[in-house]
């Protein structure tokens, strides 16, 4: 049963992130590096599977499967999934065991094709955070100028680097991935998100580009890299409800955008052939075998 769940979850994981490479995380602390790979366990009521690859993650619980991104803040594991859901656990590691909220014990799994980190020697993180909060510097709390589609918030760029070190904690696809638009008197206003980059457009013309970090509580922290306000940075709040994206600026004004494309879909996200294209057999025992056939953004599971 666990193996079959692993097969389904791994397929979801690979499909979700096949269109772009897994980003390197050179500054990831040892505690975060040790999470890389696959974990599984059961408390008698729930069966849970977790997979980590770079800053991407996948979760399977009692038949439910989700893919998204993750970060650590102290000993809190925060996961944000492409369907908009978020989960957070306190974690401790003991050799090849990962303990969630003190009562759910997962065991490291040997999974073909998944990177397996060495066991972390201690039971608690050794200080610092990876992602979650801006690292270093004095930036935080209030926007330091910039507009990100609103009105200028005053102030000047505060120099240095964004958050002490260049932060790209969510370089993989986020729940914002794709294009969102709204009709205004001047025409069609859009935001386009790809990885940790965004662009603001008016009638198809790019007005502003930048990088962003989407935190689990809905805070959208950004830095403008090109356009009238290049170099400025700030923070807004975003929320997703189905195909509706609501952006709220610090002064309280908000606007709702609609996802472009068919309801529930993002046009062309994974439609082309990927490295998975073709037929893959997961395991074969006696007369039983199971695996996947991938074609563009479609797959078939067989056994």
Protein backbone atom coordinates (compact mmCIF):
# COMPACT_ATOMS: atom_id res chain seq x y z
CA UNK A 1 0.00 0.00 0.00
CA UNK A 2 2.79 2.43 0.96
CA UNK A 3 4.65 1.65 -2.27
CA UNK A 4 1.57 2.38 -4.36
CA UNK A 5 1.03 5.67 -2.53
CA UNK A 6 4.68 6.53 -3.14
CA UNK A 7 4.27 5.85 -6.84
CA UNK A 8 1.25 8.14 -7.13
CA UNK A 9 2.85 10.92 -5.07
CA UNK A 10 6.14 10.78 -6.96
CA UNK A 11 4.26 11.11 -10.25
CA UNK A 12 2.44 14.18 -8.92
CA UNK A 13 5.75 15.63 -7.70
CA UNK A 14 7.51 15.12 -11.02
CA UNK A 15 4.59 16.42 -13.07
CA UNK A 16 4.27 19.55 -10.94
CA UNK A 17 7.90 20.56 -11.36
CA UNK A 18 9.01 18.93 -14.61
CA UNK A 19 8.68 22.17 -16.55
CA UNK A 20 11.51 23.91 -14.69
CA UNK A 21 14.72 22.75 -13.01
CA UNK A 22 14.95 22.25 -9.26
CA UNK A 23 16.85 25.29 -7.95
CA UNK A 24 20.10 24.87 -6.07
CA UNK A 25 20.02 25.97 -2.43
CA UNK A 26 23.65 26.79 -1.61
CA UNK A 27 22.81 28.54 1.66
CA UNK A 28 20.44 25.88 2.99
CA UNK A 29 21.49 24.91 6.56
CA UNK A 30 22.40 21.32 7.35
CA UNK A 31 19.08 20.81 9.13
CA UNK A 32 17.19 21.71 5.97
CA UNK A 33 19.55 19.68 3.78
CA UNK A 34 18.86 16.64 5.95
CA UNK A 35 15.16 16.76 5.05
CA UNK A 36 15.88 16.15 1.36
CA UNK A 37 14.37 12.90 0.10
CA UNK A 38 11.30 10.91 1.09
CA UNK A 39 9.68 10.09 4.45
CA UNK A 40 6.71 7.91 5.40
CA UNK A 41 4.90 6.78 8.53
CA UNK A 42 1.57 6.07 10.19
CA UNK A 43 0.10 6.71 13.64
CA UNK A 44 -2.54 4.02 13.21
CA UNK A 45 -5.13 6.47 11.93
CA UNK A 46 -3.33 8.48 9.26
CA UNK A 47 -0.71 7.43 6.73
CA UNK A 48 1.58 10.31 5.76
CA UNK A 49 4.22 10.59 3.03
CA UNK A 50 6.48 13.63 2.57
CA UNK A 51 8.96 14.30 -0.25
CA UNK A 52 11.49 17.14 -0.43
CA UNK A 53 13.61 18.07 -3.45
CA UNK A 54 15.31 21.45 -3.36
CA UNK A 55 12.67 23.95 -2.24
CA UNK A 56 9.86 21.79 -3.65
CA UNK A 57 7.76 19.38 -1.61
CA UNK A 58 4.94 16.89 -2.01
CA UNK A 59 2.57 15.45 0.59
CA UNK A 60 0.34 12.41 0.52
CA UNK A 61 -2.10 11.70 3.35
CA UNK A 62 -4.90 9.15 3.28
CA UNK A 63 -5.17 9.36 -0.51
CA UNK A 64 -4.89 13.16 -0.75
CA UNK A 65 -1.89 14.36 -2.79
CA UNK A 66 -0.50 17.90 -2.99
CA UNK A 67 2.66 19.53 -4.35
CA UNK A 68 4.16 22.89 -3.44
CA UNK A 69 7.09 24.65 -1.79
CA UNK A 70 8.46 24.62 1.75
CA UNK A 71 10.72 26.48 4.17
CA UNK A 72 12.01 26.23 7.72
CA UNK A 73 11.64 28.90 10.41
CA UNK A 74 13.47 27.62 13.48
CA UNK A 75 12.03 24.16 14.06
CA UNK A 76 8.79 24.93 12.15
CA UNK A 77 8.30 23.24 8.79
CA UNK A 78 6.00 25.40 6.63
CA UNK A 79 4.53 24.03 3.40
CA UNK A 80 2.50 25.97 0.85
CA UNK A 81 0.78 23.96 -1.88
CA UNK A 82 -0.28 24.83 -5.40
CA UNK A 83 -3.97 24.52 -4.46
CA UNK A 84 -3.56 27.36 -1.92
CA UNK A 85 -3.51 25.18 1.20
CA UNK A 86 -0.79 25.56 3.84
CA UNK A 87 0.47 23.22 6.56
CA UNK A 88 2.91 23.81 9.39
CA UNK A 89 4.52 21.31 11.77
CA UNK A 90 7.09 21.48 14.53
CA UNK A 91 9.81 18.98 13.67
CA UNK A 92 12.66 17.10 15.31
CA UNK A 93 15.09 14.69 13.69
CA UNK A 94 16.56 11.59 15.30
CA UNK A 95 18.78 9.71 12.90
CA UNK A 96 16.52 8.37 10.15
CA UNK A 97 13.34 9.47 11.95
CA UNK A 98 11.44 12.71 11.43
CA UNK A 99 9.00 13.57 14.24
CA UNK A 100 6.11 15.95 13.50
CA UNK A 101 4.40 17.85 16.32
CA UNK A 102 5.92 15.40 18.80
CA UNK A 103 3.59 12.51 17.93
CA UNK A 104 3.89 11.54 14.24
CA UNK A 105 7.07 9.60 13.45
CA UNK A 106 8.17 9.26 9.82
CA UNK A 107 11.03 7.07 8.61
CA UNK A 108 13.42 7.95 5.80
CA UNK A 109 12.65 5.99 2.64
CA UNK A 110 15.04 4.82 -0.07
CA UNK A 111 13.38 6.13 -3.24
CA UNK A 112 14.83 5.65 -6.75
CA UNK A 113 15.66 8.98 -8.33
CA UNK A 114 15.24 10.98 -5.12
CA UNK A 115 18.25 12.65 -3.45
CA UNK A 116 18.88 11.19 -0.01
CA UNK A 117 20.59 13.41 2.53
CA UNK A 118 22.76 12.06 5.31
CA UNK A 119 21.02 11.74 8.71
CA UNK A 120 21.17 14.88 10.80
CA UNK A 121 23.08 14.10 14.01
CA UNK A 122 21.07 16.24 16.41
CA UNK A 123 17.44 16.49 17.40
CA UNK A 124 16.91 20.23 16.96
CA UNK A 125 17.90 22.83 14.36
CA UNK A 126 21.19 24.59 15.07
CA UNK A 127 19.96 28.16 14.90
CA UNK A 128 19.05 30.39 11.98
CA UNK A 129 16.15 30.11 9.58
CA UNK A 130 15.98 29.22 5.94
CA UNK A 131 13.29 31.16 4.15
CA UNK A 132 10.29 32.10 6.26
CA UNK A 133 11.63 35.49 7.31
CA UNK A 134 14.03 37.92 5.60
CA UNK A 135 17.61 37.09 6.60
CA UNK A 136 19.71 39.89 7.99
CA UNK A 137 19.57 43.63 7.36
CA UNK A 138 17.00 46.04 8.71
CA UNK A 139 14.36 45.53 6.07
CA UNK A 140 11.07 44.14 7.28
CA UNK A 141 7.66 45.07 8.57
CA UNK A 142 6.87 48.14 6.50
CA UNK A 143 7.32 48.67 2.77
CA UNK A 144 10.40 50.71 1.86
CA UNK A 145 9.00 52.55 -1.14
CA UNK A 146 7.90 50.87 -4.35
CA UNK A 147 4.46 50.40 -5.79
CA UNK A 148 3.90 46.84 -7.04
CA UNK A 149 0.81 48.01 -8.84
CA UNK A 150 -0.39 50.42 -6.14
CA UNK A 151 0.53 54.02 -5.36
CA UNK A 152 4.08 55.07 -4.43
CA UNK A 153 4.62 54.40 -0.74
CA UNK A 154 7.32 57.02 -0.32
CA UNK A 155 10.79 56.47 0.97
CA UNK A 156 13.97 55.59 -0.89
CA UNK A 157 15.69 52.27 -1.46
CA UNK A 158 17.58 51.38 1.69
CA UNK A 159 20.71 50.10 -0.04
CA UNK A 160 22.44 46.80 0.50
CA UNK A 161 20.91 43.57 -0.66
CA UNK A 162 17.31 42.50 -0.30
CA UNK A 163 17.13 40.81 3.10
CA UNK A 164 20.89 40.72 3.84
CA UNK A 165 21.61 37.99 1.29
CA UNK A 166 19.91 37.57 -2.08
CA UNK A 167 16.87 35.50 -1.12
CA UNK A 168 15.13 33.20 -3.60
CA UNK A 169 13.33 30.81 -1.24
CA UNK A 170 10.51 30.08 -3.69
CA UNK A 171 12.28 29.88 -7.04
CA UNK A 172 10.03 26.95 -7.93
CA UNK A 173 6.42 27.45 -8.95
CA UNK A 174 4.19 29.02 -6.29
CA UNK A 175 0.36 29.04 -6.08
CA UNK A 176 0.56 32.36 -7.97
CA UNK A 177 2.18 30.75 -11.03
CA UNK A 178 0.70 32.03 -14.28
CA UNK A 179 -1.11 35.20 -15.35
CA UNK A 180 -3.92 37.04 -13.54
CA UNK A 181 -5.84 39.96 -15.06
CA UNK A 182 -8.52 42.56 -14.40
CA UNK A 183 -10.22 45.09 -16.68
CA UNK A 184 -9.66 48.73 -15.69
CA UNK A 185 -10.54 51.98 -17.53
CA UNK A 186 -7.06 52.07 -19.11
CA UNK A 187 -7.42 48.51 -20.43
CA UNK A 188 -6.34 45.05 -19.31
CA UNK A 189 -4.09 45.07 -16.25
CA UNK A 190 -2.21 41.85 -15.52
CA UNK A 191 0.31 40.26 -13.20
CA UNK A 192 2.43 37.41 -14.50
CA UNK A 193 4.26 35.08 -12.09
CA UNK A 194 6.98 32.58 -13.02
CA UNK A 195 9.03 30.98 -10.26
CA UNK A 196 10.00 33.82 -7.92
CA UNK A 197 9.69 36.53 -10.58
CA UNK A 198 6.75 38.75 -11.42
CA UNK A 199 5.84 41.25 -14.11
CA UNK A 200 3.14 43.91 -14.15
CA UNK A 201 1.54 44.53 -17.55
CA UNK A 202 -0.96 46.93 -19.07
CA UNK A 203 -2.55 45.83 -22.34
CA UNK A 204 0.29 43.35 -22.80
CA UNK A 205 3.09 45.91 -22.29
CA UNK A 206 5.46 45.20 -19.39
CA UNK A 207 5.54 48.15 -16.98
CA UNK A 208 7.42 46.64 -14.06
CA UNK A 209 9.39 43.49 -13.23
CA UNK A 210 10.79 42.14 -9.99
CA UNK A 211 11.37 39.23 -7.66
CA UNK A 212 9.13 38.11 -4.82
CA UNK A 213 8.78 35.80 -1.85
CA UNK A 214 5.34 34.48 -0.87
CA UNK A 215 5.16 33.59 2.83
CA UNK A 216 2.71 31.04 4.29
CA UNK A 217 0.63 33.75 5.99
CA UNK A 218 -0.08 35.49 2.67
CA UNK A 219 2.57 38.20 2.88
CA UNK A 220 4.02 39.01 -0.55
CA UNK A 221 7.47 40.57 -0.21
CA UNK A 222 8.92 42.01 -3.39
CA UNK A 223 11.77 43.99 -4.91
CA UNK A 224 11.38 45.89 -8.18
CA UNK A 225 14.19 45.07 -10.64
CA UNK A 226 13.10 47.06 -13.70
CA UNK A 227 10.71 49.87 -14.47
CA UNK A 228 10.10 53.31 -12.99
CA UNK A 229 10.62 52.12 -9.40
CA UNK A 230 13.59 49.77 -9.93
CA UNK A 231 15.46 49.09 -6.68
CA UNK A 232 12.51 49.74 -4.41
CA UNK A 233 10.87 47.05 -2.31
CA UNK A 234 7.79 46.51 -0.19
CA UNK A 235 5.20 44.13 1.15
CA UNK A 236 1.57 43.45 0.23
CA UNK A 237 -0.88 40.71 1.13
CA UNK A 238 -2.38 38.25 -1.32
CA UNK A 239 -5.10 35.64 -1.05
CA UNK A 240 -6.32 33.09 -3.58
CA UNK A 241 -9.89 31.84 -3.74
CA UNK A 242 -10.27 29.46 -6.66
CA UNK A 243 -9.46 31.47 -9.79
CA UNK A 244 -9.57 34.81 -7.95
CA UNK A 245 -6.45 36.57 -6.65
CA UNK A 246 -6.98 39.48 -4.25
CA UNK A 247 -4.07 41.86 -3.65
CA UNK A 248 -4.25 44.19 -0.62
CA UNK A 249 -1.85 47.12 -0.34
CA UNK A 250 -0.55 48.48 3.00
CA UNK A 251 -3.00 51.39 2.98
CA UNK A 252 -5.90 48.92 2.85
CA UNK A 253 -6.94 49.22 -0.80
CA UNK A 254 -7.42 45.94 -2.65
CA UNK A 255 -8.16 44.68 -6.15
CA UNK A 256 -9.18 41.23 -7.37
CA UNK A 257 -7.67 39.61 -10.46
CA UNK A 258 -8.95 36.54 -12.33
CA UNK A 259 -6.68 33.73 -13.49
CA UNK A 260 -6.26 33.75 -17.27
CA UNK A 261 -7.27 30.63 -19.20
CA UNK A 262 -9.93 28.02 -18.53
CA UNK A 263 -11.31 27.68 -14.97
CA UNK A 264 -9.06 25.53 -12.83
CA UNK A 265 -6.29 25.49 -15.44
CA UNK A 266 -3.17 27.47 -16.22
CA UNK A 267 -2.75 27.58 -20.00
CA UNK A 268 0.31 25.83 -21.36
CA UNK A 269 1.94 25.21 -17.98
CA UNK A 270 3.04 21.65 -18.64
CA UNK A 271 1.52 20.94 -22.06
CA UNK A 272 4.75 20.33 -23.99
CA UNK A 273 6.79 17.15 -23.86
CA UNK A 274 8.89 16.80 -20.72
CA UNK A 275 11.86 14.57 -19.83
CA UNK A 276 9.26 12.12 -18.46
CA UNK A 277 7.79 11.49 -21.90
CA UNK A 278 7.21 7.79 -22.51
CA UNK A 279 6.56 4.64 -20.47
CA UNK A 280 8.14 3.97 -17.06
CA UNK A 281 7.79 0.81 -14.97
CA UNK A 282 8.00 1.38 -11.23
CA UNK A 283 8.40 -2.22 -10.05
CA UNK A 284 7.92 -5.76 -11.23
CA UNK A 285 7.32 -8.74 -8.97
CA UNK A 286 6.28 -12.07 -10.45
CA UNK A 287 3.33 -11.24 -12.72
CA UNK A 288 2.59 -7.85 -11.12
CA UNK A 289 4.01 -4.61 -12.47
CA UNK A 290 2.93 -1.00 -12.32
CA UNK A 291 4.12 2.30 -13.68
CA UNK A 292 3.24 5.36 -15.72
CA UNK A 293 2.88 6.54 -19.29
CA UNK A 294 3.58 10.28 -19.76
CA UNK A 295 2.45 12.26 -22.80
CA UNK A 296 2.74 16.04 -22.66
CA UNK A 297 0.96 17.11 -19.48
CA UNK A 298 -1.05 13.88 -19.21
CA UNK A 299 -0.18 10.64 -17.49
CA UNK A 300 -1.73 7.20 -17.10
CA UNK A 301 -1.10 4.93 -14.12
CA UNK A 302 -1.18 1.19 -14.77
CA UNK A 303 -0.64 -1.95 -12.71
